Amino acid sequence: MRATHPDISPAGSYCVVEASRLLGIDRRSLRRYEQQGLVLSHANKMGKRRYSGRELLKLWRLSY
């Protein structure tokens, strides 16, 4: 997980690739955190997983 505060907007919505890049973690790690209940996702109109900026920042704060 990235040690410096990630450039994530709390009001933003991020796909798996964007979220993992911003947090500095692998996509599989992000999905594992979701399975553990540490971060929540929602599906967009196309059925693709999205993460809110608030959820990503919450996950980042758990690590630091």
PDB file of N, CA and C in Angstrom:
ATOM      1  N   MET A   1       0.859  -1.172   0.000  1.00  0.00           N
ATOM      2  CA  MET A   1       0.000   0.000   0.000  1.00  0.00           C
ATOM      3  C   MET A   1       0.902   1.231   0.000  1.00  0.00           C
ATOM      4  N   ARG A   2       0.528   2.201  -0.770  1.00  0.00           N
ATOM      5  CA  ARG A   2       1.290   3.445  -0.906  1.00  0.00           C
ATOM      6  C   ARG A   2       1.400   4.145   0.452  1.00  0.00           C
ATOM      7  N   ALA A   3       2.615   4.585   0.821  1.00  0.00           N
ATOM      8  CA  ALA A   3       2.840   5.225   2.115  1.00  0.00           C
ATOM      9  C   ALA A   3       2.344   6.666   2.142  1.00  0.00           C
ATOM     10  N   THR A   4       2.406   7.364   1.006  1.00  0.00           N
ATOM     11  CA  THR A   4       1.938   8.748   0.960  1.00  0.00           C
ATOM     12  C   THR A   4       0.454   8.771   0.627  1.00  0.00           C
ATOM     13  N   HIS A   5      -0.209   9.842   1.028  1.00  0.00           N
ATOM     14  CA  HIS A   5      -1.648   9.971   0.794  1.00  0.00           C
ATOM     15  C   HIS A   5      -1.938   9.876  -0.704  1.00  0.00           C
ATOM     16  N   PRO A   6      -2.792   8.931  -1.105  1.00  0.00           N
ATOM     17  CA  PRO A   6      -3.096   8.777  -2.532  1.00  0.00           C
ATOM     18  C   PRO A   6      -3.944   9.933  -3.050  1.00  0.00           C
ATOM     19  N   ASP A   7      -3.811  10.211  -4.334  1.00  0.00           N
ATOM     20  CA  ASP A   7      -4.564  11.285  -4.978  1.00  0.00           C
ATOM     21  C   ASP A   7      -5.943  10.761  -5.367  1.00  0.00           C
ATOM     22  N   ILE A   8      -6.796  10.583  -4.350  1.00  0.00           N
ATOM     23  CA  ILE A   8      -8.132  10.029  -4.538  1.00  0.00           C
ATOM     24  C   ILE A   8      -9.163  11.050  -4.089  1.00  0.00           C
ATOM     25  N   SER A   9     -10.115  11.342  -4.961  1.00  0.00           N
ATOM     26  CA  SER A   9     -11.205  12.244  -4.610  1.00  0.00           C
ATOM     27  C   SER A   9     -12.260  11.451  -3.839  1.00  0.00           C
ATOM     28  N   PRO A  10     -12.675  11.907  -2.658  1.00  0.00           N
ATOM     29  CA  PRO A  10     -13.708  11.199  -1.900  1.00  0.00           C
ATOM     30  C   PRO A  10     -15.008  11.034  -2.690  1.00  0.00           C
ATOM     31  N   ALA A  11     -15.279  11.950  -3.597  1.00  0.00           N
ATOM     32  CA  ALA A  11     -16.514  11.893  -4.384  1.00  0.00           C
ATOM     33  C   ALA A  11     -16.340  11.083  -5.670  1.00  0.00           C
ATOM     34  N   GLY A  12     -15.139  10.587  -5.919  1.00  0.00           N
ATOM     35  CA  GLY A  12     -14.861   9.869  -7.159  1.00  0.00           C
ATOM     36  C   GLY A  12     -15.340   8.428  -7.141  1.00  0.00           C
ATOM     37  N   SER A  13     -15.319   7.826  -8.328  1.00  0.00           N
ATOM     38  CA  SER A  13     -15.665   6.425  -8.507  1.00  0.00           C
ATOM     39  C   SER A  13     -14.583   5.814  -9.385  1.00  0.00           C
ATOM     40  N   TYR A  14     -13.993   4.698  -8.948  1.00  0.00           N
ATOM     41  CA  TYR A  14     -12.816   4.157  -9.601  1.00  0.00           C
ATOM     42  C   TYR A  14     -12.994   2.689  -9.954  1.00  0.00           C
ATOM     43  N   CYS A  15     -12.519   2.304 -11.128  1.00  0.00           N
ATOM     44  CA  CYS A  15     -12.537   0.891 -11.527  1.00  0.00           C
ATOM     45  C   CYS A  15     -11.413   0.173 -10.784  1.00  0.00           C
ATOM     46  N   VAL A  16     -11.370  -1.127 -10.892  1.00  0.00           N
ATOM     47  CA  VAL A  16     -10.386  -1.944 -10.190  1.00  0.00           C
ATOM     48  C   VAL A  16      -8.965  -1.523 -10.555  1.00  0.00           C
ATOM     49  N   VAL A  17      -8.709  -1.324 -11.834  1.00  0.00           N
ATOM     50  CA  VAL A  17      -7.361  -0.957 -12.291  1.00  0.00           C
ATOM     51  C   VAL A  17      -6.941   0.395 -11.722  1.00  0.00           C
ATOM     52  N   GLU A  18      -7.830   1.384 -11.801  1.00  0.00           N
ATOM     53  CA  GLU A  18      -7.515   2.715 -11.271  1.00  0.00           C
ATOM     54  C   GLU A  18      -7.289   2.665  -9.765  1.00  0.00           C
ATOM     55  N   ALA A  19      -8.186   1.991  -9.062  1.00  0.00           N
ATOM     56  CA  ALA A  19      -8.101   1.924  -7.604  1.00  0.00           C
ATOM     57  C   ALA A  19      -6.808   1.252  -7.161  1.00  0.00           C
ATOM     58  N   SER A  20      -6.464   0.144  -7.779  1.00  0.00           N
ATOM     59  CA  SER A  20      -5.246  -0.558  -7.383  1.00  0.00           C
ATOM     60  C   SER A  20      -4.004   0.279  -7.691  1.00  0.00           C
ATOM     61  N   ARG A  21      -4.012   0.989  -8.809  1.00  0.00           N
ATOM     62  CA  ARG A  21      -2.869   1.849  -9.154  1.00  0.00           C
ATOM     63  C   ARG A  21      -2.726   2.983  -8.148  1.00  0.00           C
ATOM     64  N   LEU A  22      -3.840   3.633  -7.798  1.00  0.00           N
ATOM     65  CA  LEU A  22      -3.793   4.748  -6.864  1.00  0.00           C
ATOM     66  C   LEU A  22      -3.341   4.312  -5.462  1.00  0.00           C
ATOM     67  N   LEU A  23      -3.741   3.129  -5.059  1.00  0.00           N
ATOM     68  CA  LEU A  23      -3.357   2.627  -3.740  1.00  0.00           C
ATOM     69  C   LEU A  23      -1.987   1.965  -3.736  1.00  0.00           C
ATOM     70  N   GLY A  24      -1.481   1.630  -4.925  1.00  0.00           N
ATOM     71  CA  GLY A  24      -0.184   0.985  -5.008  1.00  0.00           C
ATOM     72  C   GLY A  24      -0.234  -0.484  -4.620  1.00  0.00           C
ATOM     73  N   ILE A  25      -1.353  -1.140  -4.927  1.00  0.00           N
ATOM     74  CA  ILE A  25      -1.502  -2.560  -4.610  1.00  0.00           C
ATOM     75  C   ILE A  25      -1.924  -3.318  -5.866  1.00  0.00           C
ATOM     76  N   ASP A  26      -1.827  -4.618  -5.810  1.00  0.00           N
ATOM     77  CA  ASP A  26      -2.227  -5.483  -6.904  1.00  0.00           C
ATOM     78  C   ASP A  26      -3.758  -5.575  -6.965  1.00  0.00           C
ATOM     79  N   ARG A  27      -4.299  -5.782  -8.154  1.00  0.00           N
ATOM     80  CA  ARG A  27      -5.760  -5.921  -8.308  1.00  0.00           C
ATOM     81  C   ARG A  27      -6.299  -7.081  -7.486  1.00  0.00           C
ATOM     82  N   ARG A  28      -5.536  -8.152  -7.412  1.00  0.00           N
ATOM     83  CA  ARG A  28      -5.975  -9.314  -6.616  1.00  0.00           C
ATOM     84  C   ARG A  28      -6.049  -8.968  -5.141  1.00  0.00           C
ATOM     85  N   SER A  29      -5.127  -8.134  -4.682  1.00  0.00           N
ATOM     86  CA  SER A  29      -5.153  -7.708  -3.274  1.00  0.00           C
ATOM     87  C   SER A  29      -6.406  -6.890  -2.995  1.00  0.00           C
ATOM     88  N   LEU A  30      -6.749  -6.008  -3.916  1.00  0.00           N
ATOM     89  CA  LEU A  30      -7.948  -5.194  -3.752  1.00  0.00           C
ATOM     90  C   LEU A  30      -9.188  -6.072  -3.679  1.00  0.00           C
ATOM     91  N   ARG A  31      -9.278  -7.057  -4.522  1.00  0.00           N
ATOM     92  CA  ARG A  31     -10.419  -7.981  -4.494  1.00  0.00           C
ATOM     93  C   ARG A  31     -10.434  -8.803  -3.201  1.00  0.00           C
ATOM     94  N   ARG A  32      -9.248  -9.182  -2.722  1.00  0.00           N
ATOM     95  CA  ARG A  32      -9.166  -9.924  -1.469  1.00  0.00           C
ATOM     96  C   ARG A  32      -9.644  -9.062  -0.301  1.00  0.00           C
ATOM     97  N   TYR A  33      -9.256  -7.789  -0.288  1.00  0.00           N
ATOM     98  CA  TYR A  33      -9.727  -6.872   0.753  1.00  0.00           C
ATOM     99  C   TYR A  33     -11.248  -6.745   0.702  1.00  0.00           C
ATOM    100  N   GLU A  34     -11.793  -6.743  -0.497  1.00  0.00           N
ATOM    101  CA  GLU A  34     -13.252  -6.669  -0.636  1.00  0.00           C
ATOM    102  C   GLU A  34     -13.907  -7.935  -0.073  1.00  0.00           C
ATOM    103  N   GLN A  35     -13.335  -9.080  -0.367  1.00  0.00           N
ATOM    104  CA  GLN A  35     -13.875 -10.338   0.148  1.00  0.00           C
ATOM    105  C   GLN A  35     -13.820 -10.387   1.673  1.00  0.00           C
ATOM    106  N   GLN A  36     -12.818  -9.740   2.257  1.00  0.00           N
ATOM    107  CA  GLN A  36     -12.667  -9.697   3.707  1.00  0.00           C
ATOM    108  C   GLN A  36     -13.563  -8.640   4.341  1.00  0.00           C
ATOM    109  N   GLY A  37     -14.241  -7.843   3.518  1.00  0.00           N
ATOM    110  CA  GLY A  37     -15.138  -6.816   4.027  1.00  0.00           C
ATOM    111  C   GLY A  37     -14.458  -5.517   4.409  1.00  0.00           C
ATOM    112  N   LEU A  38     -13.208  -5.316   3.980  1.00  0.00           N
ATOM    113  CA  LEU A  38     -12.479  -4.102   4.313  1.00  0.00           C
ATOM    114  C   LEU A  38     -12.814  -2.942   3.392  1.00  0.00           C
ATOM    115  N   VAL A  39     -13.343  -3.251   2.220  1.00  0.00           N
ATOM    116  CA  VAL A  39     -13.734  -2.220   1.259  1.00  0.00           C
ATOM    117  C   VAL A  39     -14.969  -2.738   0.507  1.00  0.00           C
ATOM    118  N   LEU A  40     -15.877  -1.834   0.195  1.00  0.00           N
ATOM    119  CA  LEU A  40     -17.100  -2.187  -0.522  1.00  0.00           C
ATOM    120  C   LEU A  40     -17.019  -1.688  -1.958  1.00  0.00           C
ATOM    121  N   SER A  41     -17.660  -2.402  -2.857  1.00  0.00           N
ATOM    122  CA  SER A  41     -17.737  -1.955  -4.248  1.00  0.00           C
ATOM    123  C   SER A  41     -19.199  -1.923  -4.669  1.00  0.00           C
ATOM    124  N   HIS A  42     -19.428  -1.331  -5.815  1.00  0.00           N
ATOM    125  CA  HIS A  42     -20.761  -1.337  -6.413  1.00  0.00           C
ATOM    126  C   HIS A  42     -20.589  -1.599  -7.907  1.00  0.00           C
ATOM    127  N   ALA A  43     -21.653  -2.006  -8.551  1.00  0.00           N
ATOM    128  CA  ALA A  43     -21.592  -2.276  -9.990  1.00  0.00           C
ATOM    129  C   ALA A  43     -22.143  -1.074 -10.756  1.00  0.00           C
ATOM    130  N   ASN A  44     -21.466  -0.717 -11.854  1.00  0.00           N
ATOM    131  CA  ASN A  44     -21.984   0.363 -12.703  1.00  0.00           C
ATOM    132  C   ASN A  44     -23.039  -0.221 -13.651  1.00  0.00           C
ATOM    133  N   LYS A  45     -23.513   0.574 -14.570  1.00  0.00           N
ATOM    134  CA  LYS A  45     -24.566   0.131 -15.501  1.00  0.00           C
ATOM    135  C   LYS A  45     -24.138  -1.050 -16.358  1.00  0.00           C
ATOM    136  N   MET A  46     -22.851  -1.172 -16.598  1.00  0.00           N
ATOM    137  CA  MET A  46     -22.319  -2.266 -17.415  1.00  0.00           C
ATOM    138  C   MET A  46     -22.012  -3.510 -16.574  1.00  0.00           C
ATOM    139  N   GLY A  47     -22.255  -3.418 -15.266  1.00  0.00           N
ATOM    140  CA  GLY A  47     -21.988  -4.546 -14.384  1.00  0.00           C
ATOM    141  C   GLY A  47     -20.543  -4.653 -13.924  1.00  0.00           C
ATOM    142  N   LYS A  48     -19.744  -3.617 -14.191  1.00  0.00           N
ATOM    143  CA  LYS A  48     -18.338  -3.616 -13.794  1.00  0.00           C
ATOM    144  C   LYS A  48     -18.196  -3.098 -12.369  1.00  0.00           C
ATOM    145  N   ARG A  49     -17.248  -3.668 -11.633  1.00  0.00           N
ATOM    146  CA  ARG A  49     -17.015  -3.287 -10.247  1.00  0.00           C
ATOM    147  C   ARG A  49     -16.399  -1.890 -10.174  1.00  0.00           C
ATOM    148  N   ARG A  50     -16.935  -1.056  -9.274  1.00  0.00           N
ATOM    149  CA  ARG A  50     -16.420   0.292  -9.039  1.00  0.00           C
ATOM    150  C   ARG A  50     -16.275   0.498  -7.535  1.00  0.00           C
ATOM    151  N   TYR A  51     -15.302   1.304  -7.166  1.00  0.00           N
ATOM    152  CA  TYR A  51     -15.058   1.633  -5.758  1.00  0.00           C
ATOM    153  C   TYR A  51     -15.202   3.135  -5.575  1.00  0.00           C
ATOM    154  N   SER A  52     -15.886   3.533  -4.519  1.00  0.00           N
ATOM    155  CA  SER A  52     -16.008   4.962  -4.244  1.00  0.00           C
ATOM    156  C   SER A  52     -14.698   5.461  -3.652  1.00  0.00           C
ATOM    157  N   GLY A  53     -14.432   6.729  -3.864  1.00  0.00           N
ATOM    158  CA  GLY A  53     -13.235   7.334  -3.293  1.00  0.00           C
ATOM    159  C   GLY A  53     -13.227   7.233  -1.781  1.00  0.00           C
ATOM    160  N   ARG A  54     -14.378   7.380  -1.166  1.00  0.00           N
ATOM    161  CA  ARG A  54     -14.475   7.272   0.295  1.00  0.00           C
ATOM    162  C   ARG A  54     -14.045   5.881   0.777  1.00  0.00           C
ATOM    163  N   GLU A  55     -14.499   4.849   0.086  1.00  0.00           N
ATOM    164  CA  GLU A  55     -14.132   3.481   0.455  1.00  0.00           C
ATOM    165  C   GLU A  55     -12.628   3.250   0.301  1.00  0.00           C
ATOM    166  N   LEU A  56     -12.044   3.773  -0.771  1.00  0.00           N
ATOM    167  CA  LEU A  56     -10.612   3.588  -0.996  1.00  0.00           C
ATOM    168  C   LEU A  56      -9.792   4.322   0.047  1.00  0.00           C
ATOM    169  N   LEU A  57     -10.218   5.524   0.401  1.00  0.00           N
ATOM    170  CA  LEU A  57      -9.502   6.272   1.434  1.00  0.00           C
ATOM    171  C   LEU A  57      -9.635   5.583   2.788  1.00  0.00           C
ATOM    172  N   LYS A  58     -10.803   5.004   3.057  1.00  0.00           N
ATOM    173  CA  LYS A  58     -11.005   4.257   4.299  1.00  0.00           C
ATOM    174  C   LYS A  58     -10.033   3.079   4.355  1.00  0.00           C
ATOM    175  N   LEU A  59      -9.906   2.358   3.247  1.00  0.00           N
ATOM    176  CA  LEU A  59      -8.979   1.231   3.183  1.00  0.00           C
ATOM    177  C   LEU A  59      -7.541   1.688   3.381  1.00  0.00           C
ATOM    178  N   TRP A  60      -7.165   2.781   2.771  1.00  0.00           N
ATOM    179  CA  TRP A  60      -5.807   3.304   2.899  1.00  0.00           C
ATOM    180  C   TRP A  60      -5.513   3.689   4.356  1.00  0.00           C
ATOM    181  N   ARG A  61      -6.489   4.315   5.013  1.00  0.00           N
ATOM    182  CA  ARG A  61      -6.309   4.726   6.409  1.00  0.00           C
ATOM    183  C   ARG A  61      -6.155   3.522   7.339  1.00  0.00           C
ATOM    184  N   LEU A  62      -6.775   2.398   7.005  1.00  0.00           N
ATOM    185  CA  LEU A  62      -6.625   1.199   7.824  1.00  0.00           C
ATOM    186  C   LEU A  62      -5.177   0.715   7.827  1.00  0.00           C
ATOM    187  N   SER A  63      -4.452   1.004   6.758  1.00  0.00           N
ATOM    188  CA  SER A  63      -3.067   0.560   6.632  1.00  0.00           C
ATOM    189  C   SER A  63      -2.088   1.526   7.266  1.00  0.00           C
ATOM    190  N   TYR A  64      -2.504   2.794   7.452  1.00  0.00           N
ATOM    191  CA  TYR A  64      -1.578   3.804   7.971  1.00  0.00           C
ATOM    192  C   TYR A  64      -2.183   4.587   9.097  1.00  0.00           C
TER     193      TYR A  64
END
